[in-house]
């Protein structure tokens, strides 16, 4: 690899890799290449599974550059987006202004949600769960439960071991518009984490990053949600919106407080 073209930030172990990755040029390029049609389809799935009333109050966490929050706000929902990244929140504000929609943007740590009984729904979408250690991941789920009104619902779109292990490939290429992505993946059975080295290539510029995501079994995630204050869970195949079954590539869970 030509070091002049490489922006390298690979750290061993769990670390706090998310602090800089999601605002890095390579990741911004990837997110910028996501077509709006995909965001619309994902929001359609979320709203169908959450069964919300018009104008419901929704917390999107982590919201990133706001592609889901903005789409929901355009449909009349009262949106609050929380993220740790100030640059991504600035991008969200700019896009919301450009599209003429209103939303509240909050910079904060998803492990320390302070709302109590405010929201009708919480959304955590696009594999945004499992960044932390077990305590941090549980704190997020508990905070989300407390932020919901009684009967409120949360949707988590993520991987579980049942979706990861059967088809885990150690290396894979993908492309989104003009961004090429190489993933080198390894599941650490001792820590229960999926360790991935990412290489982004765009117009001759290369950036490299590491991610470490705690990956739970289906049963472990259900138990965590119930311990966090949710009374009922339903599981779905993200791609089809039908009940989850072994062999599905993506997984989402709807939990009711």
C-alpha atoms as a PDB file:
ATOM      1  CA  UNK A   1       0.000   0.000   0.000  1.00  0.00           C
ATOM      2  CA  UNK A   2       1.280   3.474  -0.864  1.00  0.00           C
ATOM      3  CA  UNK A   3       1.627   5.288   2.466  1.00  0.00           C
ATOM      4  CA  UNK A   4       1.086   8.665   0.760  1.00  0.00           C
ATOM      5  CA  UNK A   5      -2.476   7.634  -0.074  1.00  0.00           C
ATOM      6  CA  UNK A   6      -3.292   5.825   3.148  1.00  0.00           C
ATOM      7  CA  UNK A   7      -5.064   7.349   6.125  1.00  0.00           C
ATOM      8  CA  UNK A   8      -4.518   4.550   8.585  1.00  0.00           C
ATOM      9  CA  UNK A   9      -6.275   4.109  11.930  1.00  0.00           C
ATOM     10  CA  UNK A  10      -6.272   0.460  12.916  1.00  0.00           C
ATOM     11  CA  UNK A  11      -6.310  -0.270  16.628  1.00  0.00           C
ATOM     12  CA  UNK A  12      -6.225  -3.689  18.188  1.00  0.00           C
ATOM     13  CA  UNK A  13      -8.989  -4.793  20.526  1.00  0.00           C
ATOM     14  CA  UNK A  14     -12.302  -3.200  21.302  1.00  0.00           C
ATOM     15  CA  UNK A  15     -11.241   0.409  21.923  1.00  0.00           C
ATOM     16  CA  UNK A  16     -13.416   3.426  21.139  1.00  0.00           C
ATOM     17  CA  UNK A  17     -13.087   3.119  17.378  1.00  0.00           C
ATOM     18  CA  UNK A  18     -16.431   4.824  16.745  1.00  0.00           C
ATOM     19  CA  UNK A  19     -15.153   8.210  17.977  1.00  0.00           C
ATOM     20  CA  UNK A  20     -13.416   9.013  14.683  1.00  0.00           C
ATOM     21  CA  UNK A  21     -14.503   6.387  12.170  1.00  0.00           C
ATOM     22  CA  UNK A  22     -17.971   7.699  11.399  1.00  0.00           C
ATOM     23  CA  UNK A  23     -16.717  11.194  10.605  1.00  0.00           C
ATOM     24  CA  UNK A  24     -13.749   9.952   8.573  1.00  0.00           C
ATOM     25  CA  UNK A  25     -13.629  10.781   4.838  1.00  0.00           C
ATOM     26  CA  UNK A  26     -13.916   7.124   3.813  1.00  0.00           C
ATOM     27  CA  UNK A  27     -17.023   6.503   5.905  1.00  0.00           C
ATOM     28  CA  UNK A  28     -18.590   9.811   4.860  1.00  0.00           C
ATOM     29  CA  UNK A  29     -18.056   8.784   1.233  1.00  0.00           C
ATOM     30  CA  UNK A  30     -19.794   5.467   1.880  1.00  0.00           C
ATOM     31  CA  UNK A  31     -22.783   7.082   3.590  1.00  0.00           C
ATOM     32  CA  UNK A  32     -22.976   9.759   0.935  1.00  0.00           C
ATOM     33  CA  UNK A  33     -23.284   7.025  -1.674  1.00  0.00           C
ATOM     34  CA  UNK A  34     -26.369   5.465  -0.050  1.00  0.00           C
ATOM     35  CA  UNK A  35     -29.293   6.231  -2.380  1.00  0.00           C
ATOM     36  CA  UNK A  36     -32.304   7.943  -0.859  1.00  0.00           C
ATOM     37  CA  UNK A  37     -34.470   5.099  -2.148  1.00  0.00           C
ATOM     38  CA  UNK A  38     -32.742   2.777   0.310  1.00  0.00           C
ATOM     39  CA  UNK A  39     -33.446   5.111   3.231  1.00  0.00           C
ATOM     40  CA  UNK A  40     -37.086   5.359   2.160  1.00  0.00           C
ATOM     41  CA  UNK A  41     -37.396   1.552   2.031  1.00  0.00           C
ATOM     42  CA  UNK A  42     -35.774   1.163   5.456  1.00  0.00           C
ATOM     43  CA  UNK A  43     -38.087   3.760   6.989  1.00  0.00           C
ATOM     44  CA  UNK A  44     -41.068   2.029   5.383  1.00  0.00           C
ATOM     45  CA  UNK A  45     -40.012  -1.192   7.145  1.00  0.00           C
ATOM     46  CA  UNK A  46     -39.474   0.508  10.507  1.00  0.00           C
ATOM     47  CA  UNK A  47     -42.805   2.293  10.496  1.00  0.00           C
ATOM     48  CA  UNK A  48     -44.695  -0.812   9.403  1.00  0.00           C
ATOM     49  CA  UNK A  49     -43.213  -2.875  12.225  1.00  0.00           C
ATOM     50  CA  UNK A  50     -43.564  -0.154  14.880  1.00  0.00           C
ATOM     51  CA  UNK A  51     -47.244   0.528  14.046  1.00  0.00           C
ATOM     52  CA  UNK A  52     -47.098   4.172  15.166  1.00  0.00           C
ATOM     53  CA  UNK A  53     -49.823   6.794  15.196  1.00  0.00           C
ATOM     54  CA  UNK A  54     -49.378   9.876  12.957  1.00  0.00           C
ATOM     55  CA  UNK A  55     -47.186  12.515  14.564  1.00  0.00           C
ATOM     56  CA  UNK A  56     -45.611  10.114  17.068  1.00  0.00           C
ATOM     57  CA  UNK A  57     -42.427  11.166  18.886  1.00  0.00           C
ATOM     58  CA  UNK A  58     -39.421   9.089  17.825  1.00  0.00           C
ATOM     59  CA  UNK A  59     -35.825   8.935  19.066  1.00  0.00           C
ATOM     60  CA  UNK A  60     -33.254   7.881  16.440  1.00  0.00           C
ATOM     61  CA  UNK A  61     -30.037   6.739  18.142  1.00  0.00           C
ATOM     62  CA  UNK A  62     -27.356   6.826  16.908  1.00  0.00           C
ATOM     63  CA  UNK A  63     -28.718   8.991  14.126  1.00  0.00           C
ATOM     64  CA  UNK A  64     -25.499   9.616  12.181  1.00  0.00           C
ATOM     65  CA  UNK A  65     -26.086  12.044   9.338  1.00  0.00           C
ATOM     66  CA  UNK A  66     -29.829  11.760   9.903  1.00  0.00           C
ATOM     67  CA  UNK A  67     -30.933   9.910   6.804  1.00  0.00           C
ATOM     68  CA  UNK A  68     -33.667   8.013   8.700  1.00  0.00           C
ATOM     69  CA  UNK A  69     -34.659  10.888  11.003  1.00  0.00           C
ATOM     70  CA  UNK A  70     -35.068  13.287   8.098  1.00  0.00           C
ATOM     71  CA  UNK A  71     -37.181  10.847   6.109  1.00  0.00           C
ATOM     72  CA  UNK A  72     -39.432  10.238   9.129  1.00  0.00           C
ATOM     73  CA  UNK A  73     -39.706  13.963   9.837  1.00  0.00           C
ATOM     74  CA  UNK A  74     -40.793  14.519   6.237  1.00  0.00           C
ATOM     75  CA  UNK A  75     -43.732  12.197   6.993  1.00  0.00           C
ATOM     76  CA  UNK A  76     -44.878  14.233   9.976  1.00  0.00           C
ATOM     77  CA  UNK A  77     -43.210  12.408  12.868  1.00  0.00           C
ATOM     78  CA  UNK A  78     -41.622  14.398  15.709  1.00  0.00           C
ATOM     79  CA  UNK A  79     -37.978  13.400  15.459  1.00  0.00           C
ATOM     80  CA  UNK A  80     -35.061  13.628  17.860  1.00  0.00           C
ATOM     81  CA  UNK A  81     -31.706  12.368  16.616  1.00  0.00           C
ATOM     82  CA  UNK A  82     -28.825  11.678  19.018  1.00  0.00           C
ATOM     83  CA  UNK A  83     -25.244  11.002  18.012  1.00  0.00           C
ATOM     84  CA  UNK A  84     -21.747  11.343  19.471  1.00  0.00           C
ATOM     85  CA  UNK A  85     -20.323  12.877  16.287  1.00  0.00           C
ATOM     86  CA  UNK A  86     -20.633  16.660  15.947  1.00  0.00           C
ATOM     87  CA  UNK A  87     -19.665  16.601  12.219  1.00  0.00           C
ATOM     88  CA  UNK A  88     -22.400  14.085  11.431  1.00  0.00           C
ATOM     89  CA  UNK A  89     -24.960  16.129  13.354  1.00  0.00           C
ATOM     90  CA  UNK A  90     -23.941  19.234  11.392  1.00  0.00           C
ATOM     91  CA  UNK A  91     -24.485  17.282   8.182  1.00  0.00           C
ATOM     92  CA  UNK A  92     -27.906  16.208   9.477  1.00  0.00           C
ATOM     93  CA  UNK A  93     -28.893  19.797  10.255  1.00  0.00           C
ATOM     94  CA  UNK A  94     -27.801  20.954   6.807  1.00  0.00           C
ATOM     95  CA  UNK A  95     -29.743  18.219   5.011  1.00  0.00           C
ATOM     96  CA  UNK A  96     -32.855  18.811   7.135  1.00  0.00           C
ATOM     97  CA  UNK A  97     -32.697  22.525   6.324  1.00  0.00           C
ATOM     98  CA  UNK A  98     -32.237  21.780   2.637  1.00  0.00           C
ATOM     99  CA  UNK A  99     -35.275  19.493   2.645  1.00  0.00           C
ATOM    100  CA  UNK A 100     -37.364  21.847   4.773  1.00  0.00           C
ATOM    101  CA  UNK A 101     -38.047  19.479   7.675  1.00  0.00           C
ATOM    102  CA  UNK A 102     -37.824  20.035  11.418  1.00  0.00           C
ATOM    103  CA  UNK A 103     -35.987  17.740  13.811  1.00  0.00           C
ATOM    104  CA  UNK A 104     -34.094  18.083  17.074  1.00  0.00           C
ATOM    105  CA  UNK A 105     -30.414  17.108  16.965  1.00  0.00           C
ATOM    106  CA  UNK A 106     -28.621  16.219  20.201  1.00  0.00           C
ATOM    107  CA  UNK A 107     -24.926  15.509  20.688  1.00  0.00           C
ATOM    108  CA  UNK A 108     -24.515  12.839  23.342  1.00  0.00           C
ATOM    109  CA  UNK A 109     -23.535   9.329  24.398  1.00  0.00           C
ATOM    110  CA  UNK A 110     -26.132   6.646  23.645  1.00  0.00           C
ATOM    111  CA  UNK A 111     -25.134   4.887  26.884  1.00  0.00           C
ATOM    112  CA  UNK A 112     -26.340   7.887  28.906  1.00  0.00           C
ATOM    113  CA  UNK A 113     -29.845   8.671  27.670  1.00  0.00           C
ATOM    114  CA  UNK A 114     -31.543  11.059  30.102  1.00  0.00           C
ATOM    115  CA  UNK A 115     -35.130  11.134  28.796  1.00  0.00           C
ATOM    116  CA  UNK A 116     -37.892   9.583  30.892  1.00  0.00           C
ATOM    117  CA  UNK A 117     -41.215   8.544  29.361  1.00  0.00           C
ATOM    118  CA  UNK A 118     -40.943  10.960  26.412  1.00  0.00           C
ATOM    119  CA  UNK A 119     -40.997   8.919  23.205  1.00  0.00           C
ATOM    120  CA  UNK A 120     -43.463   6.643  21.452  1.00  0.00           C
ATOM    121  CA  UNK A 121     -40.630   4.795  19.719  1.00  0.00           C
ATOM    122  CA  UNK A 122     -36.853   4.405  19.661  1.00  0.00           C
ATOM    123  CA  UNK A 123     -35.034   3.290  16.515  1.00  0.00           C
ATOM    124  CA  UNK A 124     -31.506   1.862  16.428  1.00  0.00           C
ATOM    125  CA  UNK A 125     -30.993   0.876  12.829  1.00  0.00           C
ATOM    126  CA  UNK A 126     -28.330  -0.305  10.384  1.00  0.00           C
ATOM    127  CA  UNK A 127     -26.200  -2.459  12.712  1.00  0.00           C
ATOM    128  CA  UNK A 128     -25.656   0.344  15.239  1.00  0.00           C
ATOM    129  CA  UNK A 129     -25.864  -1.877  18.340  1.00  0.00           C
ATOM    130  CA  UNK A 130     -23.011  -3.672  20.099  1.00  0.00           C
ATOM    131  CA  UNK A 131     -20.253  -1.067  19.874  1.00  0.00           C
ATOM    132  CA  UNK A 132     -19.502  -1.189  23.618  1.00  0.00           C
ATOM    133  CA  UNK A 133     -18.776  -3.749  26.310  1.00  0.00           C
ATOM    134  CA  UNK A 134     -21.698  -5.659  27.826  1.00  0.00           C
ATOM    135  CA  UNK A 135     -22.293  -3.023  30.502  1.00  0.00           C
ATOM    136  CA  UNK A 136     -22.344  -0.210  27.955  1.00  0.00           C
ATOM    137  CA  UNK A 137     -24.671  -2.083  25.606  1.00  0.00           C
ATOM    138  CA  UNK A 138     -27.047  -2.854  28.488  1.00  0.00           C
ATOM    139  CA  UNK A 139     -26.975   0.771  29.660  1.00  0.00           C
ATOM    140  CA  UNK A 140     -28.126   1.832  26.211  1.00  0.00           C
ATOM    141  CA  UNK A 141     -31.030  -0.645  26.206  1.00  0.00           C
ATOM    142  CA  UNK A 142     -32.077   0.377  29.711  1.00  0.00           C
ATOM    143  CA  UNK A 143     -31.885   4.069  28.819  1.00  0.00           C
ATOM    144  CA  UNK A 144     -33.969   3.441  25.706  1.00  0.00           C
ATOM    145  CA  UNK A 145     -36.627   1.636  27.750  1.00  0.00           C
ATOM    146  CA  UNK A 146     -36.775   4.496  30.237  1.00  0.00           C
ATOM    147  CA  UNK A 147     -37.049   7.056  27.417  1.00  0.00           C
ATOM    148  CA  UNK A 148     -40.204   5.348  26.137  1.00  0.00           C
ATOM    149  CA  UNK A 149     -43.737   5.911  27.320  1.00  0.00           C
ATOM    150  CA  UNK A 150     -45.486   2.793  28.697  1.00  0.00           C
ATOM    151  CA  UNK A 151     -46.379   0.685  25.670  1.00  0.00           C
ATOM    152  CA  UNK A 152     -43.751   2.408  23.543  1.00  0.00           C
ATOM    153  CA  UNK A 153     -41.716   0.290  21.155  1.00  0.00           C
ATOM    154  CA  UNK A 154     -38.081   0.039  20.139  1.00  0.00           C
ATOM    155  CA  UNK A 155     -36.704  -1.431  16.921  1.00  0.00           C
ATOM    156  CA  UNK A 156     -33.118  -2.698  16.720  1.00  0.00           C
ATOM    157  CA  UNK A 157     -31.717  -3.719  13.350  1.00  0.00           C
ATOM    158  CA  UNK A 158     -28.513  -5.645  13.844  1.00  0.00           C
ATOM    159  CA  UNK A 159     -26.744  -8.956  13.463  1.00  0.00           C
ATOM    160  CA  UNK A 160     -26.993 -11.871  15.861  1.00  0.00           C
ATOM    161  CA  UNK A 161     -24.706 -14.871  15.807  1.00  0.00           C
ATOM    162  CA  UNK A 162     -27.392 -16.825  14.002  1.00  0.00           C
ATOM    163  CA  UNK A 163     -27.118 -14.421  11.041  1.00  0.00           C
ATOM    164  CA  UNK A 164     -23.323 -13.996  11.161  1.00  0.00           C
ATOM    165  CA  UNK A 165     -21.708 -17.374  11.692  1.00  0.00           C
ATOM    166  CA  UNK A 166     -23.404 -19.582   9.080  1.00  0.00           C
ATOM    167  CA  UNK A 167     -22.201 -17.383   6.213  1.00  0.00           C
ATOM    168  CA  UNK A 168     -19.190 -15.588   7.673  1.00  0.00           C
ATOM    169  CA  UNK A 169     -16.508 -15.044   5.032  1.00  0.00           C
ATOM    170  CA  UNK A 170     -13.039 -13.917   6.172  1.00  0.00           C
ATOM    171  CA  UNK A 171     -12.720 -11.443   3.289  1.00  0.00           C
ATOM    172  CA  UNK A 172     -15.172  -9.698   0.994  1.00  0.00           C
ATOM    173  CA  UNK A 173     -15.311  -6.847  -1.507  1.00  0.00           C
ATOM    174  CA  UNK A 174     -18.283  -4.567  -2.123  1.00  0.00           C
ATOM    175  CA  UNK A 175     -18.892  -1.325  -3.989  1.00  0.00           C
ATOM    176  CA  UNK A 176     -21.201   1.617  -3.381  1.00  0.00           C
ATOM    177  CA  UNK A 177     -21.169   4.122  -6.239  1.00  0.00           C
ATOM    178  CA  UNK A 178     -17.462   4.963  -6.662  1.00  0.00           C
ATOM    179  CA  UNK A 179     -16.368   3.671  -3.244  1.00  0.00           C
ATOM    180  CA  UNK A 180     -14.770   0.223  -3.100  1.00  0.00           C
ATOM    181  CA  UNK A 181     -14.834  -1.499   0.298  1.00  0.00           C
ATOM    182  CA  UNK A 182     -12.734  -4.437   1.464  1.00  0.00           C
ATOM    183  CA  UNK A 183     -13.702  -6.196   4.713  1.00  0.00           C
ATOM    184  CA  UNK A 184     -11.388  -8.596   6.545  1.00  0.00           C
ATOM    185  CA  UNK A 185     -13.525 -10.231   9.236  1.00  0.00           C
ATOM    186  CA  UNK A 186     -12.881 -12.481  12.202  1.00  0.00           C
ATOM    187  CA  UNK A 187     -15.240 -13.603  14.966  1.00  0.00           C
ATOM    188  CA  UNK A 188     -13.493 -13.805  18.346  1.00  0.00           C
ATOM    189  CA  UNK A 189     -15.322 -16.539  20.259  1.00  0.00           C
ATOM    190  CA  UNK A 190     -13.581 -15.575  23.510  1.00  0.00           C
ATOM    191  CA  UNK A 191     -14.813 -11.974  23.571  1.00  0.00           C
ATOM    192  CA  UNK A 192     -17.929 -12.572  21.486  1.00  0.00           C
ATOM    193  CA  UNK A 193     -16.962  -9.752  19.141  1.00  0.00           C
ATOM    194  CA  UNK A 194     -16.839  -9.441  15.372  1.00  0.00           C
ATOM    195  CA  UNK A 195     -13.504  -7.815  14.512  1.00  0.00           C
ATOM    196  CA  UNK A 196     -13.325  -6.201  11.070  1.00  0.00           C
ATOM    197  CA  UNK A 197     -10.564  -4.356   9.223  1.00  0.00           C
ATOM    198  CA  UNK A 198     -12.075  -2.007   6.629  1.00  0.00           C
ATOM    199  CA  UNK A 199     -10.316  -0.610   3.570  1.00  0.00           C
ATOM    200  CA  UNK A 200     -12.077   2.186   1.666  1.00  0.00           C
ATOM    201  CA  UNK A 201     -10.794   3.083  -1.804  1.00  0.00           C
ATOM    202  CA  UNK A 202     -12.112   6.100  -3.671  1.00  0.00           C
ATOM    203  CA  UNK A 203     -10.413   7.826  -6.583  1.00  0.00           C
ATOM    204  CA  UNK A 204      -7.015   6.447  -5.616  1.00  0.00           C
ATOM    205  CA  UNK A 205      -7.292   7.460  -1.955  1.00  0.00           C
ATOM    206  CA  UNK A 206      -7.154   4.678   0.628  1.00  0.00           C
ATOM    207  CA  UNK A 207      -8.261   4.762   4.251  1.00  0.00           C
ATOM    208  CA  UNK A 208      -8.161   1.898   6.727  1.00  0.00           C
ATOM    209  CA  UNK A 209     -10.131   1.435   9.948  1.00  0.00           C
ATOM    210  CA  UNK A 210     -10.958  -1.215  12.489  1.00  0.00           C
ATOM    211  CA  UNK A 211     -14.351  -1.980  14.035  1.00  0.00           C
ATOM    212  CA  UNK A 212     -15.183  -4.249  16.958  1.00  0.00           C
ATOM    213  CA  UNK A 213     -18.822  -5.162  17.557  1.00  0.00           C
ATOM    214  CA  UNK A 214     -20.197  -7.333  20.336  1.00  0.00           C
ATOM    215  CA  UNK A 215     -22.407  -9.894  18.641  1.00  0.00           C
ATOM    216  CA  UNK A 216     -25.022 -11.638  20.781  1.00  0.00           C
ATOM    217  CA  UNK A 217     -27.073 -14.737  20.184  1.00  0.00           C
ATOM    218  CA  UNK A 218     -30.785 -14.329  19.632  1.00  0.00           C
ATOM    219  CA  UNK A 219     -31.499 -15.630  23.149  1.00  0.00           C
ATOM    220  CA  UNK A 220     -28.918 -13.338  24.760  1.00  0.00           C
ATOM    221  CA  UNK A 221     -30.399 -10.259  23.101  1.00  0.00           C
ATOM    222  CA  UNK A 222     -33.935 -11.193  24.176  1.00  0.00           C
ATOM    223  CA  UNK A 223     -32.750 -11.662  27.765  1.00  0.00           C
ATOM    224  CA  UNK A 224     -30.926  -8.303  27.749  1.00  0.00           C
ATOM    225  CA  UNK A 225     -34.002  -6.482  26.487  1.00  0.00           C
ATOM    226  CA  UNK A 226     -36.225  -7.999  29.148  1.00  0.00           C
ATOM    227  CA  UNK A 227     -33.700  -7.239  31.895  1.00  0.00           C
ATOM    228  CA  UNK A 228     -33.544  -3.650  30.571  1.00  0.00           C
ATOM    229  CA  UNK A 229     -37.282  -3.138  31.052  1.00  0.00           C
ATOM    230  CA  UNK A 230     -38.994  -4.416  27.912  1.00  0.00           C
ATOM    231  CA  UNK A 231     -41.968  -6.740  28.365  1.00  0.00           C
ATOM    232  CA  UNK A 232     -42.313  -8.321  24.925  1.00  0.00           C
ATOM    233  CA  UNK A 233     -40.135  -8.922  21.861  1.00  0.00           C
ATOM    234  CA  UNK A 234     -40.901  -9.797  18.239  1.00  0.00           C
ATOM    235  CA  UNK A 235     -38.252 -10.796  15.713  1.00  0.00           C
ATOM    236  CA  UNK A 236     -38.233 -10.159  11.966  1.00  0.00           C
ATOM    237  CA  UNK A 237     -36.200 -10.724   8.831  1.00  0.00           C
ATOM    238  CA  UNK A 238     -35.149  -7.168   7.985  1.00  0.00           C
ATOM    239  CA  UNK A 239     -35.131  -7.729   4.242  1.00  0.00           C
ATOM    240  CA  UNK A 240     -38.657  -9.143   4.045  1.00  0.00           C
ATOM    241  CA  UNK A 241     -40.345  -7.797   7.178  1.00  0.00           C
ATOM    242  CA  UNK A 242     -41.507 -11.337   7.963  1.00  0.00           C
ATOM    243  CA  UNK A 243     -40.872 -13.384  11.127  1.00  0.00           C
ATOM    244  CA  UNK A 244     -37.193 -14.194  11.602  1.00  0.00           C
ATOM    245  CA  UNK A 245     -35.926 -17.650  10.655  1.00  0.00           C
ATOM    246  CA  UNK A 246     -32.499 -19.250  10.661  1.00  0.00           C
ATOM    247  CA  UNK A 247     -30.712 -18.464   7.431  1.00  0.00           C
ATOM    248  CA  UNK A 248     -31.920 -14.850   7.205  1.00  0.00           C
ATOM    249  CA  UNK A 249     -29.068 -12.434   6.486  1.00  0.00           C
ATOM    250  CA  UNK A 250     -30.398  -9.501   8.498  1.00  0.00           C
ATOM    251  CA  UNK A 251     -32.328  -9.352  11.721  1.00  0.00           C
ATOM    252  CA  UNK A 252     -34.441  -6.790  13.523  1.00  0.00           C
ATOM    253  CA  UNK A 253     -36.227  -6.969  16.837  1.00  0.00           C
ATOM    254  CA  UNK A 254     -39.200  -4.936  18.026  1.00  0.00           C
ATOM    255  CA  UNK A 255     -39.384  -4.671  21.834  1.00  0.00           C
ATOM    256  CA  UNK A 256     -42.311  -3.204  23.783  1.00  0.00           C
ATOM    257  CA  UNK A 257     -41.850  -1.425  27.075  1.00  0.00           C
END
